[in-house]
PDB file of N, CA and C in Angstrom:
ATOM      1  N   MET A   1       6.721-110.439 185.439  1.00  0.00           N
ATOM      2  CA  MET A   1       6.825-111.452 186.324  1.00  0.00           C
ATOM      3  C   MET A   1       7.550-112.451 185.856  1.00  0.00           C
ATOM      4  N   SER A   2       8.172-112.943 186.062  1.00  0.00           N
ATOM      5  CA  SER A   2       9.186-114.218 185.422  1.00  0.00           C
ATOM      6  C   SER A   2       8.490-115.361 185.842  1.00  0.00           C
ATOM      7  N   ASN A   3       9.143-116.363 184.595  1.00  0.00           N
ATOM      8  CA  ASN A   3       8.129-117.509 184.295  1.00  0.00           C
ATOM      9  C   ASN A   3       7.810-117.999 185.771  1.00  0.00           C
ATOM     10  N   ILE A   4       9.223-118.306 186.580  1.00  0.00           N
ATOM     11  CA  ILE A   4       9.264-119.294 187.929  1.00  0.00           C
ATOM     12  C   ILE A   4       7.906-118.468 188.691  1.00  0.00           C
ATOM     13  N   ASP A   5       8.178-117.134 188.752  1.00  0.00           N
ATOM     14  CA  ASP A   5       7.039-116.786 189.756  1.00  0.00           C
ATOM     15  C   ASP A   5       5.401-116.832 189.540  1.00  0.00           C
ATOM     16  N   GLU A   6       5.861-116.818 187.919  1.00  0.00           N
ATOM     17  CA  GLU A   6       4.086-117.004 187.908  1.00  0.00           C
ATOM     18  C   GLU A   6       3.766-118.330 187.677  1.00  0.00           C
ATOM     19  N   ARG A   7       4.862-119.606 187.611  1.00  0.00           N
ATOM     20  CA  ARG A   7       4.493-120.714 188.409  1.00  0.00           C
ATOM     21  C   ARG A   7       4.273-121.291 189.942  1.00  0.00           C
ATOM     22  N   VAL A   8       4.540-120.685 190.643  1.00  0.00           N
ATOM     23  CA  VAL A   8       4.935-120.701 192.038  1.00  0.00           C
ATOM     24  C   VAL A   8       2.980-120.126 192.137  1.00  0.00           C
ATOM     25  N   LEU A   9       2.957-119.022 191.946  1.00  0.00           N
ATOM     26  CA  LEU A   9       1.861-118.265 192.026  1.00  0.00           C
ATOM     27  C   LEU A   9       0.542-119.062 191.788  1.00  0.00           C
ATOM     28  N   LYS A  10       0.454-120.025 190.484  1.00  0.00           N
ATOM     29  CA  LYS A  10      -0.056-121.391 189.978  1.00  0.00           C
ATOM     30  C   LYS A  10      -0.401-122.194 190.888  1.00  0.00           C
ATOM     31  N   MET A  11       1.053-122.591 191.603  1.00  0.00           N
ATOM     32  CA  MET A  11       0.899-123.520 192.423  1.00  0.00           C
ATOM     33  C   MET A  11       0.125-123.372 194.001  1.00  0.00           C
ATOM     34  N   VAL A  12       0.659-122.213 194.199  1.00  0.00           N
ATOM     35  CA  VAL A  12       0.298-122.138 195.358  1.00  0.00           C
ATOM     36  C   VAL A  12      -1.741-121.686 195.750  1.00  0.00           C
ATOM     37  N   ALA A  13      -2.080-121.684 194.283  1.00  0.00           N
ATOM     38  CA  ALA A  13      -3.787-120.759 194.174  1.00  0.00           C
ATOM     39  C   ALA A  13      -3.875-122.271 194.295  1.00  0.00           C
ATOM     40  N   GLU A  14      -3.585-123.423 193.156  1.00  0.00           N
ATOM     41  CA  GLU A  14      -4.122-124.886 193.468  1.00  0.00           C
ATOM     42  C   GLU A  14      -3.828-125.338 194.563  1.00  0.00           C
ATOM     43  N   GLN A  15      -3.029-125.303 195.357  1.00  0.00           N
ATOM     44  CA  GLN A  15      -3.021-126.083 196.736  1.00  0.00           C
ATOM     45  C   GLN A  15      -4.109-125.469 197.720  1.00  0.00           C
ATOM     46  N   LEU A  16      -4.469-124.176 197.702  1.00  0.00           N
ATOM     47  CA  LEU A  16      -4.940-123.484 198.468  1.00  0.00           C
ATOM     48  C   LEU A  16      -6.232-123.265 197.708  1.00  0.00           C
ATOM     49  N   GLY A  17      -6.836-124.177 197.148  1.00  0.00           N
ATOM     50  CA  GLY A  17      -8.339-123.612 196.477  1.00  0.00           C
ATOM     51  C   GLY A  17      -8.372-122.270 196.275  1.00  0.00           C
ATOM     52  N   VAL A  18      -7.665-120.994 196.282  1.00  0.00           N
ATOM     53  CA  VAL A  18      -8.239-120.061 195.998  1.00  0.00           C
ATOM     54  C   VAL A  18      -8.218-119.797 194.395  1.00  0.00           C
ATOM     55  N   LYS A  19      -8.363-118.165 193.957  1.00  0.00           N
ATOM     56  CA  LYS A  19      -8.217-118.184 192.463  1.00  0.00           C
ATOM     57  C   LYS A  19      -6.659-117.865 192.393  1.00  0.00           C
ATOM     58  N   GLU A  20      -6.124-117.665 191.081  1.00  0.00           N
ATOM     59  CA  GLU A  20      -4.988-117.078 190.911  1.00  0.00           C
ATOM     60  C   GLU A  20      -4.807-115.734 190.789  1.00  0.00           C
ATOM     61  N   GLU A  21      -5.962-114.813 190.668  1.00  0.00           N
ATOM     62  CA  GLU A  21      -5.524-113.475 190.538  1.00  0.00           C
ATOM     63  C   GLU A  21      -5.726-112.925 192.064  1.00  0.00           C
ATOM     64  N   ASP A  22      -6.097-113.669 193.368  1.00  0.00           N
ATOM     65  CA  ASP A  22      -5.987-113.825 194.629  1.00  0.00           C
ATOM     66  C   ASP A  22      -4.835-113.625 194.986  1.00  0.00           C
ATOM     67  N   VAL A  23      -3.825-114.209 194.452  1.00  0.00           N
ATOM     68  CA  VAL A  23      -2.548-114.848 194.693  1.00  0.00           C
ATOM     69  C   VAL A  23      -1.406-113.912 194.447  1.00  0.00           C
ATOM     70  N   LYS A  24      -0.920-113.022 195.373  1.00  0.00           N
ATOM     71  CA  LYS A  24       0.129-112.063 194.687  1.00  0.00           C
ATOM     72  C   LYS A  24       1.479-112.284 195.341  1.00  0.00           C
ATOM     73  N   PRO A  25       2.655-111.567 195.271  1.00  0.00           N
ATOM     74  CA  PRO A  25       3.473-111.873 195.108  1.00  0.00           C
ATOM     75  C   PRO A  25       3.736-111.116 197.460  1.00  0.00           C
ATOM     76  N   ASP A  26       2.957-110.068 197.634  1.00  0.00           N
ATOM     77  CA  ASP A  26       2.710-109.708 198.458  1.00  0.00           C
ATOM     78  C   ASP A  26       1.893-110.143 199.493  1.00  0.00           C
ATOM     79  N   SER A  27       1.192-111.438 199.127  1.00  0.00           N
ATOM     80  CA  SER A  27      -0.160-112.067 199.822  1.00  0.00           C
ATOM     81  C   SER A  27       0.193-112.612 200.854  1.00  0.00           C
ATOM     82  N   SER A  28      -0.171-112.545 201.903  1.00  0.00           N
ATOM     83  CA  SER A  28       0.117-113.000 203.222  1.00  0.00           C
ATOM     84  C   SER A  28      -0.945-114.728 203.243  1.00  0.00           C
ATOM     85  N   PHE A  29      -0.176-115.838 203.285  1.00  0.00           N
ATOM     86  CA  PHE A  29      -0.679-117.198 203.171  1.00  0.00           C
ATOM     87  C   PHE A  29      -1.958-116.959 204.395  1.00  0.00           C
ATOM     88  N   VAL A  30      -1.995-116.969 205.558  1.00  0.00           N
ATOM     89  CA  VAL A  30      -2.607-116.533 206.238  1.00  0.00           C
ATOM     90  C   VAL A  30      -3.785-115.585 206.492  1.00  0.00           C
ATOM     91  N   ASP A  31      -3.670-114.346 206.313  1.00  0.00           N
ATOM     92  CA  ASP A  31      -4.158-113.245 206.156  1.00  0.00           C
ATOM     93  C   ASP A  31      -4.745-113.370 205.043  1.00  0.00           C
ATOM     94  N   ASP A  32      -4.354-113.652 204.280  1.00  0.00           N
ATOM     95  CA  ASP A  32      -5.114-113.152 202.334  1.00  0.00           C
ATOM     96  C   ASP A  32      -5.596-114.047 202.091  1.00  0.00           C
ATOM     97  N   LEU A  33      -4.987-115.144 202.301  1.00  0.00           N
ATOM     98  CA  LEU A  33      -5.450-116.239 201.673  1.00  0.00           C
ATOM     99  C   LEU A  33      -5.506-117.598 202.254  1.00  0.00           C
ATOM    100  N   GLY A  34      -5.944-117.541 203.731  1.00  0.00           N
ATOM    101  CA  GLY A  34      -7.045-118.079 204.395  1.00  0.00           C
ATOM    102  C   GLY A  34      -5.992-119.608 204.688  1.00  0.00           C
ATOM    103  N   ALA A  35      -4.689-119.990 204.325  1.00  0.00           N
ATOM    104  CA  ALA A  35      -3.921-121.195 205.139  1.00  0.00           C
ATOM    105  C   ALA A  35      -3.824-121.534 206.086  1.00  0.00           C
TER     106      ALA A  35
END
């Protein structure tokens, strides 16, 4: 995974209050992450 991808996934996890390992490139914001 590229550095940009990793940074985006980290930001998404921080903003949604979920674990970084729960955020994957194919995760759905609503269905998987509860946004």
